[in-house]
Amino acid sequence: MLLAEDDRAIRHALERALTLEGYEVTAVADGVEALAQAHRTPPDVLVLDVMMPGIDGLQVCRVLRAEGDRTPILMLTALVETADRIAGLDAGADDYVVKPFDVEEVFARLRALLRRTGNPADGPRPAADGPRPPYRDTGTGFLTVAGLRMDVHARRAWRGARELELTRTEFDLLELLVRNAGTVLDHTTVYDRIWGYDFGPGSKNLAVYVGYLRRKLDEPGAPALIHTVRGVGYVLRED
């Protein structure tokens, strides 16, 4: 694991906690060191502070993604506005934790990221046993529903002829919704299947990802696909 955090006290405390949890941690103090270390010894996962001198965490993320590096990235940020979080997702981050954070939340998010990385072809399952949801599985890793097509093995998705540029978490969330098309998924179920941890009713994490996914899916004049069921959760269906 590569940890980049410019605050010395936070860096040392988090490095010690992660080491005690069983991770092998390389800790650096800025974005320049983070990029150099990632190039020397590619880590299994990166934990990046957003606000760092020289090259910040967002730029580190952009550089790695531009190079084709798909290593999962967890961002640490003191910025709480939705627009700031969206900027991190747009840069290619897979998840984020807002400071001040509970170290157990960091552990939970890292476990979820590493589980998904360890089984890249094993997408989210339908949320419950029962009647098969109204998507079509071709048997070759392709899922199709309502003009949306996903290749779960190559981790690519299209709406019509347009390919969608999705982060790892966005792809997993969309796949879960497609596999349960027509079925309302409650917040707890989605958190459990995507993050492996329910962050509670006060968390805005899921709403941010759904909003960002909608921006990539929606097209002028075309029906919306992801719908909010107030007080319950989300459902993918074509109106």
Protein backbone atom coordinates (compact mmCIF):
# COMPACT_ATOMS: atom_id res chain seq x y z
CA MET A 1 0.00 0.00 0.00
CA LEU A 2 1.13 3.54 -0.76
CA LEU A 3 0.02 6.29 1.64
CA ALA A 4 0.55 9.96 0.68
CA GLU A 5 -0.29 12.52 3.37
CA ASP A 6 1.52 15.83 4.01
CA ASP A 7 0.34 16.20 7.62
CA ARG A 8 3.06 14.43 9.58
CA ALA A 9 0.89 13.54 12.59
CA ILE A 10 -1.90 12.09 10.44
CA ARG A 11 0.59 10.26 8.23
CA HIS A 12 2.38 8.60 11.14
CA ALA A 13 -0.84 7.72 12.97
CA LEU A 14 -2.46 6.24 9.87
CA GLU A 15 0.71 4.39 8.88
CA ARG A 16 0.90 2.80 12.33
CA ALA A 17 -2.81 1.87 12.34
CA LEU A 18 -2.61 0.33 8.88
CA THR A 19 0.54 -1.59 9.78
CA LEU A 20 -1.13 -2.99 12.89
CA GLU A 21 -4.07 -3.99 10.69
CA GLY A 22 -1.66 -6.10 8.61
CA TYR A 23 -0.90 -3.84 5.64
CA GLU A 24 2.61 -3.28 4.29
CA VAL A 25 2.72 0.51 4.09
CA THR A 26 5.03 2.88 2.23
CA ALA A 27 4.31 6.41 3.46
CA VAL A 28 5.31 9.61 1.61
CA ALA A 29 4.71 13.29 2.30
CA ASP A 30 3.70 14.77 -1.07
CA GLY A 31 2.43 14.08 -4.56
CA VAL A 32 5.83 14.12 -6.23
CA GLU A 33 7.06 11.34 -3.92
CA ALA A 34 3.79 9.47 -4.41
CA LEU A 35 4.16 9.39 -8.20
CA ALA A 36 7.82 8.40 -8.01
CA GLN A 37 7.09 5.57 -5.57
CA ALA A 38 4.07 4.35 -7.58
CA HIS A 39 6.28 4.12 -10.65
CA ARG A 40 9.09 2.34 -8.79
CA THR A 41 6.96 -0.18 -6.93
CA PRO A 42 3.31 -0.30 -8.04
CA PRO A 43 1.15 -0.75 -4.91
CA ASP A 44 -2.00 -2.82 -4.47
CA VAL A 45 -3.91 0.27 -3.33
CA LEU A 46 -3.22 4.00 -2.88
CA VAL A 47 -4.44 6.28 -0.11
CA LEU A 48 -4.01 9.90 -1.24
CA ASP A 49 -4.60 13.13 0.62
CA VAL A 50 -6.23 15.69 -1.65
CA MET A 51 -4.45 18.81 -0.37
CA MET A 52 -0.68 18.31 -0.69
CA PRO A 53 2.08 20.73 -1.69
CA GLY A 54 3.56 20.64 -5.19
CA ILE A 55 1.35 18.03 -6.83
CA ASP A 56 -1.91 17.45 -4.99
CA GLY A 57 -3.78 14.16 -4.71
CA LEU A 58 -6.15 14.95 -7.57
CA GLN A 59 -3.27 15.53 -9.97
CA VAL A 60 -1.55 12.33 -8.83
CA CYS A 61 -4.78 10.49 -9.56
CA ARG A 62 -5.14 12.09 -13.01
CA VAL A 63 -1.55 11.25 -13.98
CA LEU A 64 -1.88 7.60 -12.97
CA ARG A 65 -5.19 7.17 -14.75
CA ALA A 66 -3.82 8.83 -17.89
CA GLU A 67 -1.01 6.26 -17.84
CA GLY A 68 -3.57 3.46 -17.75
CA ASP A 69 -2.93 2.61 -14.09
CA ARG A 70 -6.12 1.09 -12.62
CA THR A 71 -4.83 0.63 -9.06
CA PRO A 72 -7.70 1.40 -6.64
CA ILE A 73 -7.40 4.85 -5.07
CA LEU A 74 -8.94 6.03 -1.80
CA MET A 75 -8.87 9.81 -1.34
CA LEU A 76 -8.59 11.57 2.03
CA THR A 77 -10.17 15.02 2.00
CA ALA A 78 -11.10 17.82 4.38
CA LEU A 79 -13.38 19.25 1.65
CA VAL A 80 -17.01 18.43 2.38
CA GLU A 81 -18.86 20.06 -0.53
CA THR A 82 -20.40 17.69 -3.07
CA ALA A 83 -18.59 19.48 -5.91
CA ASP A 84 -15.24 18.76 -4.24
CA ARG A 85 -16.06 15.08 -3.92
CA ILE A 86 -17.19 14.93 -7.54
CA ALA A 87 -13.84 16.46 -8.55
CA GLY A 88 -12.11 13.50 -6.89
CA LEU A 89 -14.30 10.99 -8.70
CA ASP A 90 -13.78 12.82 -11.97
CA ALA A 91 -10.01 12.58 -11.46
CA GLY A 92 -10.37 8.80 -11.29
CA ALA A 93 -10.57 8.07 -7.56
CA ASP A 94 -12.58 5.01 -6.53
CA ASP A 95 -13.71 6.21 -3.11
CA TYR A 96 -13.10 8.92 -0.53
CA VAL A 97 -13.09 9.50 3.23
CA VAL A 98 -13.79 12.92 4.73
CA LYS A 99 -11.55 14.23 7.51
CA PRO A 100 -11.74 13.90 10.43
CA PHE A 101 -12.31 10.21 9.86
CA ASP A 102 -12.71 7.08 11.96
CA VAL A 103 -9.85 4.70 11.14
CA GLU A 104 -12.33 1.81 11.10
CA GLU A 105 -14.09 3.49 8.19
CA VAL A 106 -10.78 3.70 6.32
CA PHE A 107 -10.23 -0.03 6.96
CA ALA A 108 -13.74 -0.89 5.71
CA ARG A 109 -13.37 1.10 2.51
CA LEU A 110 -9.94 -0.40 1.80
CA ARG A 111 -11.27 -3.93 2.32
CA ALA A 112 -14.08 -3.24 -0.14
CA LEU A 113 -11.70 -1.82 -2.76
CA LEU A 114 -9.31 -4.75 -2.44
CA ARG A 115 -12.12 -7.31 -2.64
CA ARG A 116 -13.25 -5.84 -5.93
CA THR A 117 -9.69 -5.70 -7.24
CA GLY A 118 -9.05 -9.32 -6.30
CA ASN A 119 -12.02 -10.52 -8.38
CA PRO A 120 -12.28 -8.12 -11.33
CA ALA A 121 -14.54 -10.38 -13.34
CA ASP A 122 -16.84 -11.22 -10.44
CA GLY A 123 -19.35 -8.41 -10.54
CA PRO A 124 -22.07 -7.63 -8.01
CA ARG A 125 -24.72 -10.33 -7.76
CA PRO A 126 -28.47 -9.73 -7.94
CA ALA A 127 -29.56 -8.40 -4.58
CA ALA A 128 -31.82 -11.29 -3.65
CA ASP A 129 -32.99 -14.70 -4.77
CA GLY A 130 -36.24 -14.81 -6.69
CA PRO A 131 -37.53 -14.06 -10.19
CA ARG A 132 -34.84 -13.17 -12.67
CA PRO A 133 -34.67 -9.38 -13.20
CA PRO A 134 -35.47 -7.99 -16.68
CA TYR A 135 -31.95 -7.75 -18.04
CA ARG A 136 -30.48 -9.99 -20.72
CA ASP A 137 -27.27 -11.91 -20.01
CA THR A 138 -25.80 -13.24 -23.26
CA GLY A 139 -23.64 -15.77 -21.43
CA THR A 140 -20.46 -14.10 -22.69
CA GLY A 141 -20.18 -11.46 -19.99
CA PHE A 142 -22.48 -8.97 -21.73
CA LEU A 143 -25.51 -7.51 -19.95
CA THR A 144 -28.12 -5.50 -21.85
CA VAL A 145 -31.14 -3.54 -20.66
CA ALA A 146 -32.98 -0.45 -21.92
CA GLY A 147 -30.36 0.45 -24.53
CA LEU A 148 -27.55 0.00 -22.01
CA ARG A 149 -24.86 -2.62 -22.67
CA MET A 150 -22.11 -3.78 -20.30
CA ASP A 151 -19.11 -6.06 -20.85
CA VAL A 152 -18.42 -7.19 -17.29
CA HIS A 153 -15.17 -8.96 -18.18
CA ALA A 154 -13.61 -6.01 -20.02
CA ARG A 155 -15.35 -3.60 -17.61
CA ARG A 156 -16.74 -1.44 -20.42
CA ALA A 157 -20.22 0.02 -20.82
CA TRP A 158 -22.19 1.75 -23.56
CA ARG A 159 -25.47 3.59 -23.84
CA GLY A 160 -26.44 3.17 -27.45
CA ALA A 161 -23.29 3.77 -29.48
CA ARG A 162 -21.67 5.98 -26.83
CA GLU A 163 -19.09 4.36 -24.55
CA LEU A 164 -19.25 5.49 -20.93
CA GLU A 165 -16.06 6.46 -19.09
CA LEU A 166 -16.64 4.93 -15.65
CA THR A 167 -14.48 4.63 -12.56
CA ARG A 168 -14.23 1.26 -10.82
CA THR A 169 -16.92 2.10 -8.27
CA GLU A 170 -19.23 3.63 -10.87
CA PHE A 171 -18.98 0.48 -12.99
CA ASP A 172 -19.72 -1.78 -10.00
CA LEU A 173 -22.70 0.36 -9.00
CA LEU A 174 -24.12 0.38 -12.52
CA GLU A 175 -23.66 -3.38 -12.85
CA LEU A 176 -25.52 -3.94 -9.58
CA LEU A 177 -28.40 -1.77 -10.79
CA VAL A 178 -28.49 -3.50 -14.20
CA ARG A 179 -28.51 -6.99 -12.65
CA ASN A 180 -31.48 -5.86 -10.54
CA ALA A 181 -33.25 -3.79 -13.22
CA GLY A 182 -36.83 -3.07 -12.19
CA THR A 183 -36.13 -3.88 -8.53
CA VAL A 184 -35.75 -1.12 -5.95
CA LEU A 185 -32.49 -1.52 -4.04
CA ASP A 186 -32.40 0.04 -0.59
CA HIS A 187 -29.41 2.03 0.61
CA THR A 188 -28.19 -0.68 3.00
CA THR A 189 -28.15 -3.32 0.25
CA VAL A 190 -26.17 -1.10 -2.12
CA TYR A 191 -23.65 -0.12 0.55
CA ASP A 192 -23.17 -3.78 1.48
CA ARG A 193 -22.72 -4.99 -2.12
CA ILE A 194 -20.51 -2.13 -3.35
CA TRP A 195 -18.56 -1.01 -0.29
CA GLY A 196 -19.01 -3.98 2.05
CA TYR A 197 -20.01 -1.60 4.82
CA ASP A 198 -23.11 0.47 5.69
CA PHE A 199 -21.99 4.01 6.48
CA GLY A 200 -25.29 4.95 8.08
CA PRO A 201 -28.18 7.27 7.24
CA GLY A 202 -26.03 10.41 7.41
CA SER A 203 -23.65 9.35 4.64
CA LYS A 204 -23.90 11.12 1.28
CA ASN A 205 -21.47 8.74 -0.41
CA LEU A 206 -24.07 6.78 -2.37
CA ALA A 207 -25.97 9.90 -3.46
CA VAL A 208 -22.77 11.41 -4.84
CA TYR A 209 -21.97 8.31 -6.90
CA VAL A 210 -25.53 7.99 -8.19
CA GLY A 211 -25.54 11.66 -9.20
CA TYR A 212 -22.26 11.34 -11.01
CA LEU A 213 -23.38 8.13 -12.74
CA ARG A 214 -26.56 9.86 -13.92
CA ARG A 215 -24.54 12.63 -15.50
CA LYS A 216 -22.65 10.06 -17.55
CA LEU A 217 -25.73 8.02 -18.49
CA ASP A 218 -28.34 10.66 -19.26
CA GLU A 219 -28.82 11.97 -22.80
CA PRO A 220 -30.98 14.86 -24.06
CA GLY A 221 -34.36 13.56 -25.15
CA ALA A 222 -33.69 10.04 -23.86
CA PRO A 223 -35.51 8.58 -20.85
CA ALA A 224 -33.70 8.60 -17.52
CA LEU A 225 -32.55 5.16 -16.37
CA ILE A 226 -31.72 5.57 -12.66
CA HIS A 227 -34.63 6.65 -10.46
CA THR A 228 -34.79 7.63 -6.80
CA VAL A 229 -37.44 6.01 -4.63
CA ARG A 230 -37.64 8.47 -1.77
CA GLY A 231 -36.95 7.03 1.62
CA VAL A 232 -35.96 3.66 0.14
CA GLY A 233 -33.21 3.66 -2.47
CA TYR A 234 -32.68 3.45 -6.25
CA VAL A 235 -33.95 1.49 -9.22
CA LEU A 236 -32.81 1.20 -12.84
CA ARG A 237 -35.68 1.15 -15.32
CA GLU A 238 -36.70 2.87 -18.54
CA ASP A 239 -39.74 5.08 -18.12
